[in-house]
Each structure stands twice: as C-alpha cells, then as structure tokens.
Protein backbone atom coordinates (compact mmCIF):
# COMPACT_ATOMS: atom_id res chain seq x y z
CA MET A 1 1.42 -11.98 -4.16
CA LYS A 2 4.87 -12.35 -2.66
CA PHE A 3 7.54 -9.80 -3.42
CA GLU A 4 9.93 -12.56 -4.55
CA LYS A 5 7.63 -13.29 -7.50
CA VAL A 6 7.25 -9.61 -8.38
CA LYS A 7 10.93 -8.76 -8.10
CA GLY A 8 11.63 -9.99 -11.63
CA LEU A 9 8.97 -7.86 -13.33
CA ASN A 10 10.05 -4.98 -15.51
CA ASP A 11 9.31 -1.43 -14.35
CA GLU A 12 6.13 -1.03 -16.40
CA LYS A 13 4.53 -4.23 -15.11
CA PHE A 14 5.64 -3.48 -11.55
CA ARG A 15 3.96 -0.08 -11.70
CA ARG A 16 0.83 -1.62 -13.19
CA LEU A 17 0.65 -4.07 -10.30
CA SER A 18 1.53 -1.82 -7.38
CA GLY A 19 0.63 1.65 -8.66
CA THR A 20 4.08 3.02 -7.81
CA LYS A 21 7.42 3.24 -9.54
CA ARG A 22 10.05 0.81 -8.35
CA THR A 23 12.22 3.69 -7.08
CA THR A 24 9.29 5.00 -5.03
CA PHE A 25 8.67 1.50 -3.69
CA ASP A 26 12.32 1.21 -2.65
CA LYS A 27 12.14 4.56 -0.83
CA MET A 28 8.99 3.41 0.99
CA VAL A 29 10.75 0.20 2.02
CA SER A 30 13.72 2.11 3.41
CA ILE A 31 11.40 4.37 5.45
CA LEU A 32 9.50 1.36 6.76
CA ARG A 33 12.74 -0.45 7.64
CA GLU A 34 13.86 2.50 9.76
CA SER A 35 10.47 2.62 11.49
CA ASP A 36 10.54 -1.13 12.07
CA ARG A 37 14.04 -0.90 13.52
CA MET A 38 12.86 1.74 15.98
CA LYS A 39 9.89 -0.41 17.02
CA LYS A 40 12.10 -3.46 17.58
CA ILE A 41 14.26 -1.46 19.95
CA LYS A 42 11.20 -1.04 22.17
CA GLY A 43 10.64 -4.79 22.09
CA ARG A 44 8.25 -6.02 19.45
CA ARG A 45 7.81 -9.53 18.20
CA LYS A 46 9.11 -10.46 14.76
CA SER A 47 6.70 -10.18 11.87
CA LYS A 48 5.93 -13.24 9.76
CA LEU A 49 5.91 -11.19 6.55
CA SER A 50 8.80 -9.19 5.20
CA ILE A 51 8.46 -5.43 4.93
CA GLU A 52 8.39 -5.72 1.13
CA ASP A 53 5.53 -8.22 1.30
CA MET A 54 3.52 -6.05 3.70
CA LEU A 55 4.01 -2.93 1.59
CA LEU A 56 3.16 -4.72 -1.65
CA MET A 57 0.02 -6.20 -0.10
CA THR A 58 -1.06 -2.76 1.13
CA LEU A 59 -0.42 -1.10 -2.23
CA GLU A 60 -2.30 -3.83 -4.10
CA TYR A 61 -5.25 -3.47 -1.73
CA LEU A 62 -5.36 0.31 -2.09
CA ARG A 63 -5.08 0.01 -5.86
CA GLU A 64 -7.99 -2.42 -6.11
CA TYR A 65 -10.20 -0.94 -3.37
CA ARG A 66 -13.24 0.79 -4.85
CA THR A 67 -14.71 3.69 -2.92
CA TYR A 68 -18.12 5.27 -3.17
CA PHE A 69 -16.50 7.92 -5.34
CA HIS A 70 -15.93 5.26 -8.02
CA THR A 71 -18.98 3.08 -7.57
CA ARG A 72 -21.68 5.67 -6.83
CA PRO A 73 -20.69 9.10 -8.19
CA GLU A 74 -24.30 10.32 -7.90
CA LEU A 75 -23.91 10.25 -4.11
CA LEU A 76 -21.45 13.13 -4.38
CA THR A 77 -24.11 15.50 -5.71
CA LEU A 78 -26.71 14.80 -3.00
CA PRO A 79 -27.01 17.42 -0.25
CA LEU A 80 -25.95 16.10 3.13
CA PRO A 81 -28.35 16.62 6.03
CA LEU A 82 -27.08 18.98 8.68
CA TYR A 83 -27.59 18.04 12.31
CA GLN A 84 -28.19 20.91 14.69
C-alpha cells in the first residue's frame, strides 16, 4: 500500500496497519533520509520508491510475517541435536 493512501488514516488505524506510532514512523523516516543522503553522496542511483513507501512496505511485511515461533510453538520445546 502506498504511503499517500495511508497518510490520511488516524493514529489508531495507522498503528494497526504498520505496528508503529506515527511519531515513531516519522523518526524512522528522518533516520532513513539521512542515511539515503549519505549513500547518494557516494553515487547511488535514484530509488523508484519513496523512503516512506519502502519503510511502510517493510513494516507491513514484518507485521504479517509468521515465524516458527507463532506457527509451530511445539518446536521450541524439542531438544536440539548437538554436533561435535
């Protein structure tokens, strides 16, 4: 989902979608902008997505990604084989 569509959501719906508060999201964007500025000094091609879009896509993926911890909790109790 593009950030332009999400920009109009209230704070509760934005947090439900991204998993972060809007203020936290804005701080992340400012950190990423500084990093991107430093990379462009070294000569990097322009990205097709905005920083906001890339961050939102990453946060949505991490929010929806299910790990073995969620899907198979019984695997956590199994003893792991030790290789010697």
